[in-house]
Amino acid sequence: MYKNSKKKKIMAAAVLMGLLALGGGSASAAVTAQTLAEASHMKQSKISELQDDSRVFSLDSSIEIKQVSFQNRYGFDVAGHLYLPHDFDRQGSYKAVVVSGPFGAVKEQASGLYAQELAKNGFVALAFDQSMTGESSGVRRNMGSPDIFTEDYSAAVDFLSQLDFVNPEQIGAAGICGLSGMAITAAANDTRIKAVVTAAMYDMSESISDHYKGAYYTPQQRETVKKYLARMRNEEARRGGEISGPHEIAVNADGQVQTYTTMFPDKLPDNADAVTREFYAYYVQRAYHPRAINSNTLAWDATMPYGFFNFSLMENIKELAPRPLLLITGEKAHSKYFTDAVYEKAAEPKEKIVVAGATHTDLYDQMDKIPFVKIVEFFNQNLH
């Protein structure tokens, strides 16, 4: 019964995607993938026409989009969608922005929406799937790494900076939710990234290794979690394959690890908390996508937390300066404390916007809440 209900969900999503596609997509084939490929000088990259468009947001038919892939420093092929601005000129020199997130989402969801809005405002924009997720490569699937995900941002800059029609001195980065930390971390050391925007920020290293507000685990609980992770590594080695599990591991009052193998059930229980309901409403209902971990039947790889215990994002955040940082959060976002903490740590120039009445996932796709006018203004002022 569970499998059948999932099939129905996927079929419903496919119908929704088809309806959305009728209202959007590439307006013409005036700019071909071959033309763009000829403008690229990056080895180990591809540009092709978009096939099987499955984006789950309202599409703008005036914005052309191409399917791309490029290789990062570790040999992963990162999949992306390249958005071209209105009246695109192959001979032009454009400002560009790379964007990814949320954590466990795909480029057909929030990052694609952000990229489309940036393209509508004159930018070349690249939304990409993190390595080992979505359409990006990786023998191990649904695995996360703060190091590799940070590298993916720099690899996206590699790709953009090798395009004749992008000014390599005018490239910015945007991170949504759990990819915000990687966008900041990449820019702190990769000086090609000239400005950074985050929306609904999560610091995934803190969230995974210390849990809620950095005060969840006692030393005993941390030891319990580490022992659980060691058991999972042993079991995966024995099986020769991955085991699904939570990316944030709860320990109950009895000192027992609480695990799960699916991100969400088909139907939430009546006593589900408000944050779970909010994520469910986005990933399972209005923005369901079968390739997104957060929408899918399987959770992350059970051993995924290792990287986030070992690698602390934000260590070099002060080195982001003098490159500017714009942090956007919601007044009602449960994640607001992450934005507040990063704002305190970061050096000038920095700016924080708190959107009145907005929740965390409102900043994924609610056009009346996301301050795109301010985002566009910020990038125009600072990509020069």
Protein backbone atom coordinates (compact mmCIF):
# COMPACT_ATOMS: atom_id res chain seq x y z
CA MET A 1 0.00 0.00 0.00
CA TYR A 2 2.87 2.35 0.83
CA LYS A 3 4.52 1.75 -2.54
CA ASN A 4 1.26 2.26 -4.42
CA SER A 5 0.63 5.55 -2.65
CA LYS A 6 4.13 6.69 -3.56
CA LYS A 7 3.49 5.80 -7.20
CA LYS A 8 0.31 7.84 -7.13
CA LYS A 9 2.24 10.75 -5.64
CA ILE A 10 4.85 10.56 -8.39
CA MET A 11 2.15 10.37 -11.08
CA ALA A 12 0.38 13.38 -9.57
CA ALA A 13 3.64 15.28 -9.48
CA ALA A 14 4.29 14.39 -13.11
CA VAL A 15 0.88 15.80 -14.08
CA LEU A 16 1.61 18.98 -12.13
CA MET A 17 5.02 19.33 -13.77
CA GLY A 18 3.43 18.89 -17.19
CA LEU A 19 0.86 21.58 -16.47
CA LEU A 20 3.56 23.95 -15.27
CA ALA A 21 5.63 23.26 -18.36
CA LEU A 22 2.74 24.35 -20.57
CA GLY A 23 3.10 27.82 -19.09
CA GLY A 24 6.85 28.09 -19.32
CA GLY A 25 10.08 26.82 -20.74
CA SER A 26 12.32 28.01 -23.53
CA ALA A 27 10.63 30.62 -25.70
CA SER A 28 12.64 29.71 -28.78
CA ALA A 29 15.67 27.82 -29.98
CA ALA A 30 17.40 31.04 -31.02
CA VAL A 31 20.24 30.31 -28.63
CA THR A 32 21.21 26.70 -29.14
CA ALA A 33 23.16 24.53 -26.75
CA GLN A 34 25.78 24.12 -29.48
CA THR A 35 26.22 27.89 -29.68
CA LEU A 36 26.76 28.06 -25.93
CA ALA A 37 29.08 25.05 -25.95
CA GLU A 38 31.26 26.87 -28.45
CA ALA A 39 31.48 29.74 -25.97
CA SER A 40 32.76 27.47 -23.18
CA HIS A 41 36.42 26.73 -22.56
CA MET A 42 36.08 24.41 -19.56
CA LYS A 43 37.24 20.86 -20.07
CA GLN A 44 35.04 18.10 -18.64
CA SER A 45 31.85 20.10 -19.10
CA LYS A 46 28.78 19.78 -21.32
CA ILE A 47 25.96 22.05 -22.47
CA SER A 48 22.85 20.51 -24.00
CA GLU A 49 19.20 21.24 -24.64
CA LEU A 50 16.96 20.63 -21.65
CA GLN A 51 15.11 17.32 -21.82
CA ASP A 52 12.10 16.25 -19.76
CA ASP A 53 11.58 19.54 -17.95
CA SER A 54 10.37 18.67 -14.44
CA ARG A 55 10.70 22.01 -12.62
CA VAL A 56 8.04 22.47 -9.95
CA PHE A 57 7.60 26.23 -9.87
CA SER A 58 5.83 28.67 -12.18
CA LEU A 59 7.95 29.01 -15.30
CA ASP A 60 8.68 32.16 -17.29
CA SER A 61 8.52 31.34 -20.99
CA SER A 62 10.78 34.30 -21.85
CA ILE A 63 13.76 32.79 -20.00
CA GLU A 64 15.83 30.24 -21.89
CA ILE A 65 17.41 27.41 -19.97
CA LYS A 66 20.06 24.84 -20.91
CA GLN A 67 21.12 21.63 -19.25
CA VAL A 68 24.77 21.59 -18.20
CA SER A 69 27.27 19.45 -16.34
CA PHE A 70 30.77 20.21 -15.13
CA GLN A 71 33.36 18.33 -13.14
CA ASN A 72 34.46 19.38 -9.67
CA ARG A 73 37.92 18.97 -8.19
CA TYR A 74 37.08 15.50 -6.84
CA GLY A 75 35.87 14.17 -10.17
CA PHE A 76 32.12 14.37 -9.55
CA ASP A 77 30.02 15.50 -12.51
CA VAL A 78 27.78 18.27 -11.17
CA ALA A 79 24.45 18.69 -12.99
CA GLY A 80 22.97 22.12 -13.45
CA HIS A 81 20.49 24.33 -15.28
CA LEU A 82 21.89 27.44 -16.94
CA TYR A 83 19.41 30.33 -17.08
CA LEU A 84 19.93 33.04 -19.71
CA PRO A 85 18.62 36.61 -19.33
CA HIS A 86 16.06 38.36 -21.51
CA ASP A 87 17.37 39.22 -24.99
CA PHE A 88 20.49 37.18 -24.38
CA ASP A 89 23.45 38.25 -26.51
CA ARG A 90 26.08 35.60 -27.16
CA GLN A 91 28.62 38.42 -27.61
CA GLY A 92 27.71 40.10 -24.34
CA SER A 93 29.52 40.16 -20.99
CA TYR A 94 27.15 39.31 -18.16
CA LYS A 95 27.17 39.27 -14.40
CA ALA A 96 26.50 35.75 -13.11
CA VAL A 97 25.34 33.97 -9.95
CA VAL A 98 25.66 30.33 -8.86
CA VAL A 99 22.88 29.07 -6.59
CA SER A 100 22.09 25.83 -4.80
CA GLY A 101 19.99 24.48 -1.96
CA PRO A 102 18.10 23.68 0.10
CA PHE A 103 19.87 20.71 1.69
CA GLY A 104 18.32 17.60 0.15
CA ALA A 105 16.53 19.54 -2.61
CA VAL A 106 17.19 19.59 -6.35
CA LYS A 107 17.70 22.32 -8.95
CA GLU A 108 14.13 21.87 -10.16
CA GLN A 109 12.90 23.30 -6.84
CA ALA A 110 13.86 26.49 -4.96
CA SER A 111 17.31 27.08 -6.48
CA GLY A 112 15.81 27.00 -9.97
CA LEU A 113 13.21 29.57 -8.96
CA TYR A 114 15.95 31.87 -7.63
CA ALA A 115 18.00 31.36 -10.80
CA GLN A 116 15.02 32.16 -13.00
CA GLU A 117 14.32 35.39 -11.11
CA LEU A 118 17.96 36.43 -11.40
CA ALA A 119 17.89 35.75 -15.16
CA LYS A 120 14.74 37.85 -15.47
CA ASN A 121 16.80 40.68 -14.02
CA GLY A 122 19.73 40.41 -16.42
CA PHE A 123 22.03 37.82 -14.81
CA VAL A 124 23.31 34.55 -16.18
CA ALA A 125 22.34 32.17 -13.38
CA LEU A 126 23.35 28.58 -12.67
CA ALA A 127 21.30 26.34 -10.37
CA PHE A 128 22.96 23.01 -9.58
CA ASP A 129 22.44 19.71 -7.77
CA GLN A 130 24.98 18.94 -5.08
CA SER A 131 27.31 16.01 -5.75
CA MET A 132 25.78 12.59 -5.02
CA THR A 133 22.26 14.04 -5.18
CA GLY A 134 19.73 14.76 -7.92
CA GLU A 135 21.25 14.32 -11.38
CA SER A 136 24.83 14.87 -10.21
CA SER A 137 27.15 11.87 -10.19
CA GLY A 138 28.33 9.67 -7.34
CA VAL A 139 28.30 5.92 -6.88
CA ARG A 140 27.12 6.50 -3.33
CA ARG A 141 23.80 8.30 -3.38
CA ASN A 142 22.15 10.63 -0.86
CA MET A 143 25.50 11.29 0.78
CA GLY A 144 26.38 14.76 2.03
CA SER A 145 29.73 16.38 2.62
CA PRO A 146 30.44 19.94 3.76
CA ASP A 147 33.78 19.79 1.94
CA ILE A 148 32.48 18.42 -1.36
CA PHE A 149 29.37 20.61 -1.33
CA THR A 150 31.61 23.65 -0.77
CA GLU A 151 33.79 22.51 -3.65
CA ASP A 152 30.70 22.26 -5.87
CA TYR A 153 30.25 26.04 -5.56
CA SER A 154 33.82 26.68 -6.72
CA ALA A 155 33.37 24.18 -9.55
CA ALA A 156 30.25 26.08 -10.64
CA VAL A 157 32.39 29.23 -10.71
CA ASP A 158 34.96 27.31 -12.81
CA PHE A 159 32.21 26.60 -15.32
CA LEU A 160 30.78 30.12 -15.44
CA SER A 161 34.15 31.84 -15.62
CA GLN A 162 35.05 29.82 -18.73
CA LEU A 163 32.02 31.10 -20.67
CA ASP A 164 32.83 33.89 -23.13
CA PHE A 165 29.62 35.73 -22.29
CA VAL A 166 30.24 35.83 -18.50
CA ASN A 167 32.52 38.42 -16.93
CA PRO A 168 34.71 36.31 -14.59
CA GLU A 169 35.20 39.33 -12.33
CA GLN A 170 31.43 39.61 -11.74
CA ILE A 171 30.33 36.29 -10.25
CA GLY A 172 28.32 35.93 -7.04
CA ALA A 173 26.89 33.02 -5.05
CA ALA A 174 23.54 32.36 -3.41
CA GLY A 175 22.76 29.60 -0.93
CA ILE A 176 19.33 28.54 0.26
CA CYS A 177 18.80 26.84 3.62
CA GLY A 178 21.48 24.16 4.20
CA LEU A 179 23.65 25.21 1.25
CA SER A 180 24.05 28.72 2.66
CA GLY A 181 26.97 27.63 4.82
CA MET A 182 28.74 26.11 1.83
CA ALA A 183 28.22 29.30 -0.22
CA ILE A 184 29.80 31.41 2.51
CA THR A 185 32.61 28.91 3.14
CA ALA A 186 33.43 28.71 -0.57
CA ALA A 187 33.54 32.50 -0.91
CA ALA A 188 35.73 32.91 2.17
CA ASN A 189 38.55 31.18 0.31
CA ASP A 190 37.57 31.48 -3.37
CA THR A 191 38.10 35.16 -4.16
CA ARG A 192 36.44 34.75 -7.56
CA ILE A 193 33.12 34.86 -5.69
CA LYS A 194 32.56 38.58 -5.21
CA ALA A 195 29.36 38.64 -3.14
CA VAL A 196 27.12 36.17 -1.27
CA VAL A 197 23.39 36.01 -0.54
CA THR A 198 21.84 33.49 1.84
CA ALA A 199 18.15 32.75 2.37
CA ALA A 200 16.64 30.78 5.27
CA MET A 201 20.12 29.87 6.39
CA TYR A 202 21.14 26.66 8.16
CA ASP A 203 24.68 25.96 9.35
CA MET A 204 24.57 22.23 8.68
CA SER A 205 27.75 21.45 10.62
CA GLU A 206 26.26 22.96 13.76
CA SER A 207 22.81 21.56 13.10
CA ILE A 208 24.04 18.00 12.57
CA SER A 209 26.87 17.81 15.09
CA ASP A 210 25.30 19.88 17.91
CA HIS A 211 21.64 19.78 16.92
CA TYR A 212 19.09 22.43 17.76
CA LYS A 213 20.67 25.75 18.78
CA GLY A 214 23.97 23.99 19.45
CA ALA A 215 22.73 22.75 22.83
CA TYR A 216 21.05 19.45 22.12
CA TYR A 217 23.77 16.88 22.77
CA THR A 218 25.32 16.33 26.15
CA PRO A 219 28.78 14.72 26.05
CA GLN A 220 27.11 11.38 26.79
CA GLN A 221 24.63 11.85 23.95
CA ARG A 222 27.42 12.74 21.51
CA GLU A 223 29.20 9.53 22.46
CA THR A 224 25.97 7.60 21.91
CA VAL A 225 25.58 9.14 18.44
CA LYS A 226 29.20 8.38 17.55
CA LYS A 227 28.74 4.74 18.58
CA TYR A 228 25.61 4.56 16.43
CA LEU A 229 27.51 5.97 13.44
CA ALA A 230 30.29 3.43 14.00
CA ARG A 231 27.71 0.62 13.94
CA MET A 232 26.28 1.99 10.71
CA ARG A 233 29.73 2.09 9.09
CA ASN A 234 30.37 -1.51 10.11
CA GLU A 235 26.99 -2.59 8.77
CA GLU A 236 27.46 -0.76 5.45
CA ALA A 237 30.92 -2.31 5.07
CA ARG A 238 29.43 -5.72 5.75
CA ARG A 239 26.59 -5.24 3.26
CA GLY A 240 28.66 -3.48 0.62
CA GLY A 241 26.06 -0.74 0.22
CA GLU A 242 24.39 2.18 1.91
CA ILE A 243 21.73 2.16 4.61
CA SER A 244 19.20 4.96 4.87
CA GLY A 245 19.05 7.02 8.02
CA PRO A 246 18.55 10.51 9.48
CA HIS A 247 20.95 13.34 8.82
CA GLU A 248 20.20 14.77 12.27
CA ILE A 249 20.18 12.07 14.94
CA ALA A 250 17.95 12.43 17.97
CA VAL A 251 18.67 10.80 21.34
CA ASN A 252 15.66 10.23 23.61
CA ALA A 253 15.39 10.64 27.36
CA ASP A 254 16.43 7.01 27.82
CA GLY A 255 19.66 7.61 25.92
CA GLN A 256 18.53 5.69 22.82
CA VAL A 257 19.20 6.84 19.25
CA GLN A 258 16.04 7.59 17.28
CA THR A 259 16.35 6.72 13.60
CA TYR A 260 14.19 6.54 10.48
CA THR A 261 14.62 5.39 6.89
CA THR A 262 12.26 7.79 5.12
CA MET A 263 12.20 11.56 5.34
CA PHE A 264 8.40 11.77 5.60
CA PRO A 265 5.48 9.34 5.73
CA ASP A 266 2.76 9.54 3.09
CA LYS A 267 0.56 11.19 5.70
CA LEU A 268 1.74 13.12 8.72
CA PRO A 269 0.45 12.06 12.14
CA ASP A 270 -1.94 14.43 13.85
CA ASN A 271 0.66 15.28 16.49
CA ALA A 272 3.39 16.31 14.02
CA ASP A 273 5.21 19.46 15.10
CA ALA A 274 4.88 22.75 13.21
CA VAL A 275 8.33 22.61 11.60
CA THR A 276 7.78 19.08 10.27
CA ARG A 277 4.42 20.19 8.88
CA GLU A 278 6.07 23.14 7.17
CA PHE A 279 8.73 21.00 5.45
CA TYR A 280 6.11 18.37 4.51
CA ALA A 281 3.91 21.04 2.91
CA TYR A 282 6.81 22.09 0.68
CA TYR A 283 8.62 18.86 -0.20
CA VAL A 284 5.75 16.37 -0.30
CA GLN A 285 2.92 18.62 -1.40
CA ARG A 286 3.45 21.83 -3.34
CA ALA A 287 7.04 21.19 -4.58
CA TYR A 288 7.28 17.40 -4.71
CA HIS A 289 10.09 16.12 -6.95
CA PRO A 290 11.04 12.44 -7.19
CA ARG A 291 14.79 13.15 -7.28
CA ALA A 292 14.80 15.28 -4.13
CA ILE A 293 15.93 13.43 -1.03
CA ASN A 294 13.50 15.45 1.07
CA SER A 295 10.59 14.45 -1.19
CA ASN A 296 11.60 10.85 -1.71
CA THR A 297 10.93 7.53 -0.02
CA LEU A 298 14.52 7.15 1.21
CA ALA A 299 16.38 9.35 3.66
CA TRP A 300 20.07 10.27 3.59
CA ASP A 301 22.85 7.71 3.89
CA ALA A 302 23.02 6.75 7.58
CA THR A 303 26.76 7.55 7.77
CA MET A 304 26.38 11.03 6.27
CA PRO A 305 26.77 12.88 9.61
CA TYR A 306 30.46 11.92 9.79
CA GLY A 307 31.55 14.74 7.50
CA PHE A 308 29.64 17.34 9.48
CA PHE A 309 31.07 16.13 12.78
CA ASN A 310 34.56 16.36 11.27
CA PHE A 311 34.27 19.59 9.24
CA SER A 312 33.05 22.80 10.82
CA LEU A 313 31.65 25.33 8.38
CA MET A 314 32.14 29.04 9.19
CA GLU A 315 35.66 28.59 10.59
CA ASN A 316 36.99 31.22 8.19
CA ILE A 317 33.90 33.38 7.91
CA LYS A 318 35.74 36.59 8.81
CA GLU A 319 37.93 36.03 5.74
CA LEU A 320 34.88 36.59 3.54
CA ALA A 321 35.44 40.33 3.99
CA PRO A 322 35.82 42.60 2.12
CA ARG A 323 33.40 40.66 -0.06
CA PRO A 324 29.85 41.60 1.05
CA LEU A 325 27.28 39.29 2.61
CA LEU A 326 23.48 39.63 2.54
CA LEU A 327 21.58 37.36 4.97
CA ILE A 328 17.82 36.91 4.57
CA THR A 329 15.63 35.21 7.15
CA GLY A 330 11.99 35.15 8.15
CA GLU A 331 10.49 36.72 11.25
CA LYS A 332 8.77 33.41 12.00
CA ALA A 333 11.52 31.12 10.68
CA HIS A 334 12.53 28.42 13.16
CA SER A 335 16.02 28.72 11.62
CA LYS A 336 16.37 32.45 12.30
CA TYR A 337 18.96 31.90 15.03
CA PHE A 338 21.42 30.58 12.42
CA THR A 339 21.20 33.82 10.45
CA ASP A 340 21.51 35.86 13.64
CA ALA A 341 24.61 33.92 14.72
CA VAL A 342 26.31 34.22 11.34
CA TYR A 343 25.55 37.92 11.16
CA GLU A 344 27.29 38.38 14.51
CA LYS A 345 30.35 36.37 13.39
CA ALA A 346 30.79 37.93 9.97
CA ALA A 347 32.88 41.04 9.40
CA GLU A 348 31.66 44.09 7.52
CA PRO A 349 30.33 44.63 4.92
CA LYS A 350 27.24 42.68 5.89
CA GLU A 351 23.49 43.16 5.96
CA LYS A 352 20.59 41.22 7.45
CA ILE A 353 16.99 41.30 6.28
CA VAL A 354 14.22 39.85 8.46
CA VAL A 355 11.10 39.38 6.33
CA ALA A 356 7.98 40.24 8.33
CA GLY A 357 5.65 37.29 8.83
CA ALA A 358 7.79 34.87 6.82
CA THR A 359 8.50 31.30 7.89
CA HIS A 360 11.54 29.25 6.88
CA THR A 361 10.02 27.63 3.78
CA ASP A 362 8.25 30.83 2.73
CA LEU A 363 11.72 31.86 1.55
CA TYR A 364 11.85 28.80 -0.74
CA ASP A 365 9.05 29.78 -3.10
CA GLN A 366 6.64 32.44 -1.84
CA MET A 367 7.08 35.29 -4.28
CA ASP A 368 5.40 37.83 -1.99
CA LYS A 369 7.92 37.04 0.78
CA ILE A 370 11.26 36.57 -1.00
CA PRO A 371 12.88 40.04 -1.39
CA PHE A 372 14.07 39.54 -4.96
CA VAL A 373 14.22 43.30 -5.57
CA LYS A 374 16.76 43.60 -2.76
CA ILE A 375 18.71 40.52 -3.95
CA VAL A 376 19.00 41.93 -7.46
CA GLU A 377 20.01 45.33 -6.13
CA PHE A 378 22.66 43.72 -3.90
CA PHE A 379 24.26 41.76 -6.72
CA ASN A 380 24.12 44.68 -9.14
CA GLN A 381 25.87 46.93 -6.61
CA ASN A 382 28.53 44.44 -5.62
CA LEU A 383 29.38 42.51 -8.79
CA HIS A 384 31.56 45.15 -10.41
